[in-house]
C-alpha atoms as a PDB file:
ATOM      1  CA  UNK A   1      13.466  -9.735  -0.790  1.00  0.00           C
ATOM      2  CA  UNK A   2      10.400 -10.196   1.372  1.00  0.00           C
ATOM      3  CA  UNK A   3       6.994  -8.555   0.839  1.00  0.00           C
ATOM      4  CA  UNK A   4       7.442  -6.026   3.653  1.00  0.00           C
ATOM      5  CA  UNK A   5      10.729  -4.792   2.175  1.00  0.00           C
ATOM      6  CA  UNK A   6       9.334  -4.649  -1.336  1.00  0.00           C
ATOM      7  CA  UNK A   7       6.207  -2.819  -0.164  1.00  0.00           C
ATOM      8  CA  UNK A   8       8.169  -0.174   1.709  1.00  0.00           C
ATOM      9  CA  UNK A   9      10.522   0.395  -1.229  1.00  0.00           C
ATOM     10  CA  UNK A  10       7.613   0.746  -3.669  1.00  0.00           C
ATOM     11  CA  UNK A  11       5.800   3.001  -1.201  1.00  0.00           C
ATOM     12  CA  UNK A  12       8.815   5.237  -0.777  1.00  0.00           C
ATOM     13  CA  UNK A  13       9.254   5.546  -4.543  1.00  0.00           C
ATOM     14  CA  UNK A  14       5.551   6.367  -4.971  1.00  0.00           C
ATOM     15  CA  UNK A  15       5.512   9.022  -2.240  1.00  0.00           C
ATOM     16  CA  UNK A  16       8.720  10.530  -3.612  1.00  0.00           C
ATOM     17  CA  UNK A  17       7.134  10.825  -7.054  1.00  0.00           C
ATOM     18  CA  UNK A  18       3.989  12.300  -5.498  1.00  0.00           C
ATOM     19  CA  UNK A  19       5.985  14.781  -3.397  1.00  0.00           C
ATOM     20  CA  UNK A  20       7.959  16.000  -6.393  1.00  0.00           C
ATOM     21  CA  UNK A  21       4.987  15.999  -8.783  1.00  0.00           C
ATOM     22  CA  UNK A  22       4.669  19.789  -8.507  1.00  0.00           C
ATOM     23  CA  UNK A  23       7.964  19.954 -10.391  1.00  0.00           C
ATOM     24  CA  UNK A  24       7.554  17.394 -13.161  1.00  0.00           C
ATOM     25  CA  UNK A  25       3.793  17.111 -13.878  1.00  0.00           C
ATOM     26  CA  UNK A  26       3.457  20.677 -15.280  1.00  0.00           C
ATOM     27  CA  UNK A  27       6.224  19.941 -17.760  1.00  0.00           C
ATOM     28  CA  UNK A  28       4.464  16.758 -18.900  1.00  0.00           C
ATOM     29  CA  UNK A  29       1.151  18.608 -19.300  1.00  0.00           C
ATOM     30  CA  UNK A  30       2.822  21.337 -21.355  1.00  0.00           C
ATOM     31  CA  UNK A  31       4.760  18.765 -23.430  1.00  0.00           C
ATOM     32  CA  UNK A  32       1.507  17.053 -24.415  1.00  0.00           C
ATOM     33  CA  UNK A  33      -0.181  20.322 -25.384  1.00  0.00           C
ATOM     34  CA  UNK A  34      -1.859  21.206 -22.110  1.00  0.00           C
ATOM     35  CA  UNK A  35      -2.215  24.758 -20.927  1.00  0.00           C
ATOM     36  CA  UNK A  36      -0.208  26.449 -18.241  1.00  0.00           C
ATOM     37  CA  UNK A  37      -3.467  27.092 -16.381  1.00  0.00           C
ATOM     38  CA  UNK A  38      -4.094  23.354 -16.034  1.00  0.00           C
ATOM     39  CA  UNK A  39      -0.599  22.829 -14.723  1.00  0.00           C
ATOM     40  CA  UNK A  40      -1.024  25.659 -12.218  1.00  0.00           C
ATOM     41  CA  UNK A  41      -3.714  23.641 -10.457  1.00  0.00           C
ATOM     42  CA  UNK A  42      -1.207  20.865  -9.837  1.00  0.00           C
ATOM     43  CA  UNK A  43       1.198  23.220  -8.131  1.00  0.00           C
ATOM     44  CA  UNK A  44      -1.157  23.135  -5.128  1.00  0.00           C
ATOM     45  CA  UNK A  45       0.485  19.808  -4.297  1.00  0.00           C
ATOM     46  CA  UNK A  46       3.576  21.841  -3.429  1.00  0.00           C
ATOM     47  CA  UNK A  47       2.161  22.477   0.068  1.00  0.00           C
ATOM     48  CA  UNK A  48       2.283  18.742   0.786  1.00  0.00           C
ATOM     49  CA  UNK A  49       5.729  18.032  -0.664  1.00  0.00           C
ATOM     50  CA  UNK A  50       7.603  18.430   2.654  1.00  0.00           C
ATOM     51  CA  UNK A  51       5.567  15.894   4.641  1.00  0.00           C
ATOM     52  CA  UNK A  52       5.474  13.547   1.647  1.00  0.00           C
ATOM     53  CA  UNK A  53       9.271  13.667   1.293  1.00  0.00           C
ATOM     54  CA  UNK A  54       9.650  12.886   5.001  1.00  0.00           C
ATOM     55  CA  UNK A  55       7.175   9.998   4.669  1.00  0.00           C
ATOM     56  CA  UNK A  56       9.104   8.784   1.625  1.00  0.00           C
ATOM     57  CA  UNK A  57      12.389   8.849   3.537  1.00  0.00           C
ATOM     58  CA  UNK A  58      10.813   6.914   6.428  1.00  0.00           C
ATOM     59  CA  UNK A  59       9.459   4.237   4.092  1.00  0.00           C
ATOM     60  CA  UNK A  60      12.836   3.957   2.384  1.00  0.00           C
ATOM     61  CA  UNK A  61      14.577   3.606   5.758  1.00  0.00           C
ATOM     62  CA  UNK A  62      12.074   0.905   6.757  1.00  0.00           C
ATOM     63  CA  UNK A  63      12.775  -0.938   3.505  1.00  0.00           C
ATOM     64  CA  UNK A  64      16.529  -0.915   4.063  1.00  0.00           C
ATOM     65  CA  UNK A  65      16.120  -1.946   7.693  1.00  0.00           C
ATOM     66  CA  UNK A  66      13.885  -4.914   6.888  1.00  0.00           C
ATOM     67  CA  UNK A  67      16.131  -5.972   3.989  1.00  0.00           C
ATOM     68  CA  UNK A  68      19.358  -5.982   5.982  1.00  0.00           C
ATOM     69  CA  UNK A  69      17.703  -7.354   9.112  1.00  0.00           C
ATOM     70  CA  UNK A  70      16.332 -10.315   7.126  1.00  0.00           C
ATOM     71  CA  UNK A  71      19.828 -10.984   5.721  1.00  0.00           C
ATOM     72  CA  UNK A  72      21.230 -11.182   9.265  1.00  0.00           C
ATOM     73  CA  UNK A  73      18.490 -13.563  10.420  1.00  0.00           C
ATOM     74  CA  UNK A  74      19.059 -15.903   7.483  1.00  0.00           C
ATOM     75  CA  UNK A  75      22.817 -15.996   7.955  1.00  0.00           C
ATOM     76  CA  UNK A  76      22.600 -16.525  11.734  1.00  0.00           C
ATOM     77  CA  UNK A  77      19.934 -19.228  11.633  1.00  0.00           C
ATOM     78  CA  UNK A  78      21.816 -21.638   9.363  1.00  0.00           C
ATOM     79  CA  UNK A  79      25.604 -21.462   9.736  1.00  0.00           C
ATOM     80  CA  UNK A  80      27.502 -22.640   6.677  1.00  0.00           C
ATOM     81  CA  UNK A  81      29.962 -25.487   7.217  1.00  0.00           C
ATOM     82  CA  UNK A  82      33.117 -25.531   5.123  1.00  0.00           C
ATOM     83  CA  UNK A  83      34.566 -28.867   6.256  1.00  0.00           C
ATOM     84  CA  UNK A  84      33.107 -32.089   4.901  1.00  0.00           C
ATOM     85  CA  UNK A  85      34.372 -35.653   5.266  1.00  0.00           C
ATOM     86  CA  UNK A  86      34.701 -37.343   1.881  1.00  0.00           C
ATOM     87  CA  UNK A  87      34.382 -41.138   1.856  1.00  0.00           C
ATOM     88  CA  UNK A  88      35.747 -43.081  -1.101  1.00  0.00           C
ATOM     89  CA  UNK A  89      33.202 -45.636  -2.367  1.00  0.00           C
ATOM     90  CA  UNK A  90      36.053 -47.872  -3.594  1.00  0.00           C
ATOM     91  CA  UNK A  91      38.136 -48.289  -0.410  1.00  0.00           C
ATOM     92  CA  UNK A  92      35.931 -46.570   2.256  1.00  0.00           C
ATOM     93  CA  UNK A  93      38.779 -44.250   3.214  1.00  0.00           C
ATOM     94  CA  UNK A  94      37.508 -41.033   4.805  1.00  0.00           C
ATOM     95  CA  UNK A  95      39.233 -37.688   4.872  1.00  0.00           C
ATOM     96  CA  UNK A  96      38.051 -34.271   6.067  1.00  0.00           C
ATOM     97  CA  UNK A  97      38.464 -31.655   3.345  1.00  0.00           C
ATOM     98  CA  UNK A  98      37.787 -27.940   3.190  1.00  0.00           C
ATOM     99  CA  UNK A  99      35.143 -26.906   0.670  1.00  0.00           C
ATOM    100  CA  UNK A 100      35.450 -23.744  -1.407  1.00  0.00           C
ATOM    101  CA  UNK A 101      32.825 -21.147  -0.485  1.00  0.00           C
ATOM    102  CA  UNK A 102      31.707 -20.223  -3.984  1.00  0.00           C
ATOM    103  CA  UNK A 103      32.658 -23.006  -6.372  1.00  0.00           C
ATOM    104  CA  UNK A 104      32.212 -26.733  -6.864  1.00  0.00           C
ATOM    105  CA  UNK A 105      34.790 -29.508  -6.876  1.00  0.00           C
ATOM    106  CA  UNK A 106      34.084 -31.799  -9.820  1.00  0.00           C
ATOM    107  CA  UNK A 107      36.970 -34.242  -9.366  1.00  0.00           C
ATOM    108  CA  UNK A 108      38.727 -35.528  -6.260  1.00  0.00           C
ATOM    109  CA  UNK A 109      41.501 -38.096  -6.051  1.00  0.00           C
ATOM    110  CA  UNK A 110      41.265 -40.481  -3.099  1.00  0.00           C
ATOM    111  CA  UNK A 111      44.420 -40.179  -1.001  1.00  0.00           C
ATOM    112  CA  UNK A 112      44.343 -43.903  -0.178  1.00  0.00           C
ATOM    113  CA  UNK A 113      43.605 -45.798  -3.414  1.00  0.00           C
ATOM    114  CA  UNK A 114      43.920 -43.051  -6.057  1.00  0.00           C
ATOM    115  CA  UNK A 115      40.353 -43.422  -7.369  1.00  0.00           C
ATOM    116  CA  UNK A 116      39.096 -40.282  -9.086  1.00  0.00           C
ATOM    117  CA  UNK A 117      35.730 -39.365  -7.592  1.00  0.00           C
ATOM    118  CA  UNK A 118      33.196 -37.645  -9.843  1.00  0.00           C
ATOM    119  CA  UNK A 119      29.763 -36.300  -8.836  1.00  0.00           C
ATOM    120  CA  UNK A 120      26.874 -38.747  -9.064  1.00  0.00           C
ATOM    121  CA  UNK A 121      24.133 -38.046 -11.586  1.00  0.00           C
ATOM    122  CA  UNK A 122      22.049 -35.138 -10.294  1.00  0.00           C
ATOM    123  CA  UNK A 123      24.699 -33.848  -7.883  1.00  0.00           C
ATOM    124  CA  UNK A 124      26.760 -30.757  -8.568  1.00  0.00           C
ATOM    125  CA  UNK A 125      30.044 -31.748  -6.924  1.00  0.00           C
ATOM    126  CA  UNK A 126      31.903 -34.526  -5.115  1.00  0.00           C
ATOM    127  CA  UNK A 127      30.975 -33.078  -1.710  1.00  0.00           C
ATOM    128  CA  UNK A 128      27.269 -33.454  -2.515  1.00  0.00           C
ATOM    129  CA  UNK A 129      27.850 -37.047  -3.673  1.00  0.00           C
ATOM    130  CA  UNK A 130      30.468 -38.403  -1.253  1.00  0.00           C
ATOM    131  CA  UNK A 131      30.719 -35.860   1.550  1.00  0.00           C
ATOM    132  CA  UNK A 132      29.197 -35.796   5.007  1.00  0.00           C
ATOM    133  CA  UNK A 133      27.986 -32.225   4.352  1.00  0.00           C
ATOM    134  CA  UNK A 134      26.920 -30.809   0.960  1.00  0.00           C
ATOM    135  CA  UNK A 135      28.744 -27.870  -0.631  1.00  0.00           C
ATOM    136  CA  UNK A 136      28.124 -24.287   0.671  1.00  0.00           C
ATOM    137  CA  UNK A 137      25.848 -23.178  -2.215  1.00  0.00           C
ATOM    138  CA  UNK A 138      23.533 -26.136  -1.546  1.00  0.00           C
ATOM    139  CA  UNK A 139      23.615 -25.410   2.221  1.00  0.00           C
ATOM    140  CA  UNK A 140      22.464 -21.843   1.409  1.00  0.00           C
ATOM    141  CA  UNK A 141      19.623 -23.214  -0.798  1.00  0.00           C
ATOM    142  CA  UNK A 142      21.153 -21.619  -3.878  1.00  0.00           C
ATOM    143  CA  UNK A 143      21.724 -23.050  -7.310  1.00  0.00           C
ATOM    144  CA  UNK A 144      25.010 -24.838  -7.408  1.00  0.00           C
ATOM    145  CA  UNK A 145      27.782 -23.989  -9.813  1.00  0.00           C
END
């Protein structure tokens, strides 16, 4: 979530609380031993509740717009590839394989020599170690499985 989205969501929550304060602040004042006269002063905020609720709704809409718009930009700028060519280090045989979108492949048997490929130290899967393209979670800059 970027700063603009977070700011608009926090702003909308704050203005919503401010707009509805004429309803909940008197109860808090009375609960802590305050007088009804003191809470009556706060009911003057009631005149501003309509514009504040509209402002709150606008900030909330801006937050949702920026959040979902940023998701679209990220997904369109870096397409995820699901086909990677694995090359066996033993016999140099290459084969294009489809990668799962949300999980890692820890073992792969070479179709030519039968060698079982395992990820190298520091890699999360065989596609990151022996493939032409790393696995989808790594392409999305996420933690791997």
